[in-house]
Amino acid sequence: MGIKSDIEYAIYSHGAWKARFRSFLSGKAGLDLSAISHTESCKLGKWLADEARRMLSPEDHVKACELHAHFHRVAGDIVHNIKQKNFSAARQALGPAGAFDQASHEMGAFLRTLARRSRPKPANKTTEDGAVAEPAGTPQASG
């Protein structure tokens, strides 16, 4: 897989947690707090620990890991609140513009920026006389 597909899948997977939390909140499903709060237990965490080290700059890797860890802390707090029967705090965190959405959107936006930056640039082609032809859509310098 490439960086873009890896990132999009990770964003989708993390977004799906909201539905799991709601099921947990309504008593329809169980969740393991220890698994949720560990960043290495999900696909994105494994990618960040391995492939991302080679694909991202050190600065981008650190920021991605920090945002990912923050997401998992928020997720862990939600499960903790539910287990402590603090349902209003859990609902607030899961609500629109709540802590979960904020952490999810911040991480997703940063990862999408990384995916856009990693797109291969079109190669310049050389003409028969050795001149470099710019890719289509590239503004030409006027002289």
Protein backbone atom coordinates (compact mmCIF):
# COMPACT_ATOMS: atom_id res chain seq x y z
CA MET A 1 0.00 0.00 0.00
CA GLY A 2 1.05 3.59 -0.55
CA ILE A 3 1.04 6.41 1.96
CA LYS A 4 -2.26 7.87 0.70
CA SER A 5 -4.22 4.62 0.93
CA ASP A 6 -2.62 3.79 4.29
CA ILE A 7 -3.60 7.19 5.66
CA GLU A 8 -7.15 7.11 4.30
CA TYR A 9 -7.71 3.65 5.77
CA ALA A 10 -6.34 4.78 9.15
CA ILE A 11 -8.60 7.85 9.18
CA TYR A 12 -11.60 5.67 8.33
CA SER A 13 -10.71 3.13 11.04
CA HIS A 14 -10.28 5.78 13.70
CA GLY A 15 -13.55 7.45 12.69
CA ALA A 16 -15.36 4.15 13.16
CA TRP A 17 -14.54 4.30 16.86
CA LYS A 18 -17.32 6.84 17.38
CA ALA A 19 -19.93 4.21 16.46
CA ARG A 20 -18.23 1.69 18.76
CA PHE A 21 -18.34 4.16 21.64
CA ARG A 22 -22.02 4.81 21.07
CA SER A 23 -22.68 1.05 21.10
CA PHE A 24 -20.66 0.76 24.29
CA LEU A 25 -22.51 3.72 25.82
CA SER A 26 -25.87 2.11 25.07
CA GLY A 27 -24.72 -1.23 26.49
CA LYS A 28 -24.73 -3.04 23.13
CA ALA A 29 -20.98 -3.76 23.04
CA GLY A 30 -17.96 -3.95 25.31
CA LEU A 31 -14.63 -2.19 24.91
CA ASP A 32 -11.24 -2.88 26.41
CA LEU A 33 -9.76 0.31 27.88
CA SER A 34 -6.22 -1.05 27.77
CA ALA A 35 -6.42 -1.77 24.03
CA ILE A 36 -7.92 1.62 23.22
CA SER A 37 -5.35 3.65 25.07
CA HIS A 38 -2.36 1.91 23.44
CA THR A 39 -1.31 3.64 20.24
CA GLU A 40 0.47 0.54 18.90
CA SER A 41 -2.67 -1.62 18.96
CA CYS A 42 -4.22 -0.13 15.82
CA LYS A 43 -3.19 -0.16 12.18
CA LEU A 44 -2.16 3.50 12.19
CA GLY A 45 -0.02 2.98 15.28
CA LYS A 46 1.74 0.03 13.65
CA TRP A 47 2.25 2.07 10.46
CA LEU A 48 3.66 5.00 12.46
CA ALA A 49 6.04 2.67 14.31
CA ASP A 50 7.36 1.09 11.11
CA GLU A 51 6.72 2.33 7.57
CA ALA A 52 6.04 5.96 8.50
CA ARG A 53 9.55 6.31 9.93
CA ARG A 54 10.90 5.77 6.42
CA MET A 55 8.19 7.72 4.58
CA LEU A 56 7.91 10.88 6.69
CA SER A 57 10.36 13.56 7.74
CA PRO A 58 11.39 13.29 11.39
CA GLU A 59 9.34 16.40 12.23
CA ASP A 60 6.21 15.11 10.48
CA HIS A 61 6.63 11.71 12.10
CA VAL A 62 6.85 13.23 15.60
CA LYS A 63 3.76 15.39 15.00
CA ALA A 64 1.78 12.46 13.56
CA CYS A 65 2.71 10.32 16.59
CA GLU A 66 1.73 13.12 18.99
CA LEU A 67 -1.66 13.64 17.33
CA HIS A 68 -2.26 9.89 17.24
CA ALA A 69 -1.37 9.53 20.93
CA HIS A 70 -3.71 12.43 21.79
CA PHE A 71 -6.53 10.71 19.86
CA HIS A 72 -5.98 7.52 21.86
CA ARG A 73 -5.90 9.46 25.16
CA VAL A 74 -9.25 11.05 24.29
CA ALA A 75 -10.65 7.63 23.31
CA GLY A 76 -9.35 6.13 26.56
CA ASP A 77 -10.95 8.96 28.56
CA ILE A 78 -14.31 8.27 26.91
CA VAL A 79 -14.16 4.59 27.83
CA HIS A 80 -13.03 5.48 31.35
CA ASN A 81 -15.97 7.89 31.74
CA ILE A 82 -18.40 5.24 30.54
CA LYS A 83 -16.98 2.64 32.91
CA GLN A 84 -17.23 5.14 35.77
CA LYS A 85 -20.86 5.75 34.74
CA ASN A 86 -20.06 9.38 33.92
CA PHE A 87 -22.26 9.19 30.84
CA SER A 88 -22.71 12.95 30.46
CA ALA A 89 -18.94 13.44 30.11
CA ALA A 90 -18.76 10.60 27.59
CA ARG A 91 -21.67 12.00 25.57
CA GLN A 92 -20.13 15.47 25.64
CA ALA A 93 -16.80 14.13 24.36
CA LEU A 94 -18.62 12.23 21.58
CA GLY A 95 -20.89 15.14 20.64
CA PRO A 96 -20.42 17.53 17.74
CA ALA A 97 -17.24 19.55 18.31
CA GLY A 98 -16.50 17.40 21.36
CA ALA A 99 -13.04 16.18 22.33
CA PHE A 100 -13.33 13.09 20.13
CA ASP A 101 -14.24 15.05 17.00
CA GLN A 102 -11.54 17.62 17.68
CA ALA A 103 -8.82 15.00 18.13
CA SER A 104 -10.06 12.99 15.15
CA HIS A 105 -10.29 15.99 12.81
CA GLU A 106 -6.92 17.41 13.85
CA MET A 107 -5.20 14.07 13.28
CA GLY A 108 -7.07 13.44 10.01
CA ALA A 109 -6.30 16.90 8.62
CA PHE A 110 -2.60 16.54 9.38
CA LEU A 111 -2.43 13.05 7.87
CA ARG A 112 -4.26 14.19 4.73
CA THR A 113 -1.76 17.04 4.40
CA LEU A 114 1.03 14.46 4.55
CA ALA A 115 -0.68 12.36 1.89
CA ARG A 116 -1.05 15.37 -0.42
CA ARG A 117 2.60 16.33 0.09
CA SER A 118 3.72 12.81 -0.78
CA ARG A 119 2.07 12.74 -4.21
CA PRO A 120 4.67 12.20 -6.91
CA LYS A 121 5.32 15.28 -8.97
CA PRO A 122 5.02 14.94 -12.76
CA ALA A 123 8.39 14.37 -14.35
CA ASN A 124 9.82 16.90 -16.75
CA LYS A 125 10.45 15.47 -20.19
CA THR A 126 13.41 16.24 -22.38
CA THR A 127 12.74 17.20 -26.00
CA GLU A 128 14.83 15.99 -28.92
CA ASP A 129 17.03 19.09 -28.80
CA GLY A 130 17.79 18.52 -25.09
CA ALA A 131 15.47 21.24 -23.75
CA VAL A 132 13.36 20.47 -20.71
CA ALA A 133 9.62 20.44 -21.43
CA GLU A 134 7.51 21.46 -18.42
CA PRO A 135 4.56 19.25 -17.43
CA ALA A 136 1.18 20.30 -18.79
CA GLY A 137 -0.39 23.08 -16.78
CA THR A 138 2.94 24.48 -15.58
CA PRO A 139 3.18 28.25 -16.12
CA GLN A 140 5.80 29.19 -18.64
CA ALA A 141 8.27 31.97 -17.90
CA SER A 142 7.93 34.89 -20.25
CA GLY A 143 10.99 36.64 -21.55
